[in-house]
Protein backbone atom coordinates (compact mmCIF):
# COMPACT_ATOMS: atom_id res chain seq x y z
CA UNK A 1 6.66 14.12 3.63
CA UNK A 2 7.21 17.06 1.61
CA UNK A 3 6.91 15.56 -2.26
CA UNK A 4 4.77 12.97 -1.17
CA UNK A 5 3.96 10.41 -3.70
CA UNK A 6 0.02 9.85 -4.99
CA UNK A 7 -1.58 7.91 -3.25
CA UNK A 8 -4.95 6.62 -4.44
CA UNK A 9 -8.43 4.95 -3.91
CA UNK A 10 -10.29 3.23 -6.50
CA UNK A 11 -14.23 3.52 -5.85
CA UNK A 12 -15.10 0.53 -8.05
CA UNK A 13 -12.22 -1.78 -6.36
CA UNK A 14 -13.89 -4.24 -3.93
CA UNK A 15 -10.88 -4.24 -1.38
CA UNK A 16 -12.27 -1.46 1.30
CA UNK A 17 -10.59 1.98 1.10
CA UNK A 18 -8.51 1.57 4.24
CA UNK A 19 -6.99 -1.45 3.06
CA UNK A 20 -5.92 0.14 -0.64
CA UNK A 21 -4.21 2.76 1.44
CA UNK A 22 -2.31 0.69 3.78
CA UNK A 23 -1.37 -1.88 1.00
CA UNK A 24 0.14 1.21 -0.85
CA UNK A 25 1.85 2.98 2.33
CA UNK A 26 3.57 -0.55 3.02
CA UNK A 27 5.02 -0.69 -0.20
CA UNK A 28 6.32 3.04 -0.24
CA UNK A 29 7.84 1.98 2.76
CA UNK A 30 9.11 -1.62 1.71
CA UNK A 31 10.48 0.15 -1.51
CA UNK A 32 11.79 2.66 0.31
CA UNK A 33 10.25 5.48 -1.31
CA UNK A 34 8.82 6.51 2.11
CA UNK A 35 12.25 6.40 4.81
CA UNK A 36 12.26 5.66 8.57
CA UNK A 37 11.60 9.17 10.11
CA UNK A 38 9.21 10.39 7.22
CA UNK A 39 6.19 11.89 8.33
CA UNK A 40 2.74 10.63 6.94
CA UNK A 41 0.08 13.14 6.16
CA UNK A 42 -2.25 13.92 8.85
CA UNK A 43 -5.38 12.02 9.41
CA UNK A 44 -7.39 14.56 8.73
CA UNK A 45 -5.48 15.86 5.44
CA UNK A 46 -5.14 12.90 3.83
CA UNK A 47 -9.15 11.89 4.36
CA UNK A 48 -9.95 15.23 2.65
CA UNK A 49 -7.41 14.76 -0.09
CA UNK A 50 -8.72 11.52 -1.11
CA UNK A 51 -12.30 11.97 -0.38
CA UNK A 52 -12.40 9.86 2.35
CA UNK A 53 -13.78 9.63 6.08
CA UNK A 54 -11.08 10.39 8.66
CA UNK A 55 -12.06 6.98 10.29
CA UNK A 56 -11.01 5.32 7.44
CA UNK A 57 -7.35 6.81 7.05
CA UNK A 58 -7.11 6.41 10.93
CA UNK A 59 -8.19 2.61 10.84
CA UNK A 60 -5.19 2.21 8.06
CA UNK A 61 -2.82 4.60 10.35
CA UNK A 62 -3.86 2.25 13.16
CA UNK A 63 -3.45 -1.17 11.50
CA UNK A 64 0.19 0.03 10.34
CA UNK A 65 1.22 0.99 13.75
CA UNK A 66 -0.03 -2.21 15.33
CA UNK A 67 2.26 -4.23 13.13
CA UNK A 68 5.21 -1.99 13.51
CA UNK A 69 5.43 -0.20 10.60
CA UNK A 70 4.76 3.42 11.46
CA UNK A 71 4.56 4.99 15.33
CA UNK A 72 1.90 7.41 15.88
CA UNK A 73 2.41 10.33 18.57
CA UNK A 74 0.14 12.83 19.84
CA UNK A 75 1.29 15.99 18.46
CA UNK A 76 4.17 14.47 16.58
CA UNK A 77 1.87 13.06 13.97
CA UNK A 78 2.62 9.63 12.26
CA UNK A 79 6.06 8.72 11.14
CA UNK A 80 7.56 5.63 9.52
CA UNK A 81 8.80 3.51 11.93
CA UNK A 82 12.63 3.63 12.26
CA UNK A 83 12.99 -0.02 12.60
CA UNK A 84 10.67 -2.11 10.32
CA UNK A 85 9.53 -5.29 11.44
CA UNK A 86 10.93 -8.71 9.92
CA UNK A 87 9.63 -9.39 6.39
CA UNK A 88 6.52 -11.20 6.37
CA UNK A 89 6.11 -14.83 5.26
CA UNK A 90 7.48 -14.39 1.92
CA UNK A 91 4.68 -16.70 0.37
CA UNK A 92 2.10 -14.53 2.09
CA UNK A 93 3.77 -11.18 0.41
CA UNK A 94 3.88 -13.27 -3.15
CA UNK A 95 0.11 -13.89 -2.95
CA UNK A 96 -0.55 -10.26 -1.91
CA UNK A 97 1.49 -8.74 -4.81
CA UNK A 98 -0.12 -11.49 -7.17
CA UNK A 99 -3.26 -10.33 -6.01
CA UNK A 100 -2.91 -6.78 -6.67
CA UNK A 101 -1.30 -7.25 -10.11
CA UNK A 102 -4.64 -9.10 -11.34
CA UNK A 103 -6.96 -6.36 -9.64
CA UNK A 104 -4.86 -3.76 -11.66
CA UNK A 105 -5.21 -6.16 -14.72
CA UNK A 106 -8.67 -6.14 -14.41
CA UNK A 107 -8.86 -2.47 -14.26
CA UNK A 108 -7.14 -2.47 -17.19
CA UNK A 109 -9.43 -4.91 -18.82
CA UNK A 110 -7.71 -7.54 -19.18
CA UNK A 111 -9.23 -11.08 -19.04
CA UNK A 112 -8.02 -14.50 -17.45
CA UNK A 113 -6.06 -15.49 -20.27
CA UNK A 114 -4.33 -12.49 -20.97
CA UNK A 115 -3.28 -11.91 -17.44
CA UNK A 116 -1.99 -15.80 -17.47
CA UNK A 117 0.15 -14.73 -20.58
CA UNK A 118 1.55 -11.74 -19.06
CA UNK A 119 2.62 -13.61 -15.93
CA UNK A 120 4.18 -16.46 -18.48
CA UNK A 121 6.21 -13.62 -20.32
CA UNK A 122 7.39 -12.18 -17.29
CA UNK A 123 8.51 -15.69 -15.82
CA UNK A 124 10.13 -16.64 -19.21
CA UNK A 125 11.79 -12.99 -19.46
CA UNK A 126 13.16 -13.59 -15.97
CA UNK A 127 14.94 -16.81 -16.62
CA UNK A 128 17.10 -15.23 -19.02
């Protein structure tokens, strides 16, 4: 992975760091920013870059490997899998994205009414 997209961990987010990292990597892969065969940073390097324990990054990589999103080989590093698993339940994916949006909106200081308003406006705009 050369010009790597920025991965971040928000320390005051209640979501555990390994889960924040997992979600970001899934999105980067889902949207093609990381392509099949792309190598992820070594565990120790990414941990150092993000100020995390190596075990945290290793857990993220293990979880991604368990569902077939990445493959790991001793000496070959961790790479985006050549064949991605079939999409997860669309409703589950929707809930994950909604939860991520709410977390980000809260970090921006939005209250519930502002969040609902933003979603309502987005729905109206998508209806043409």
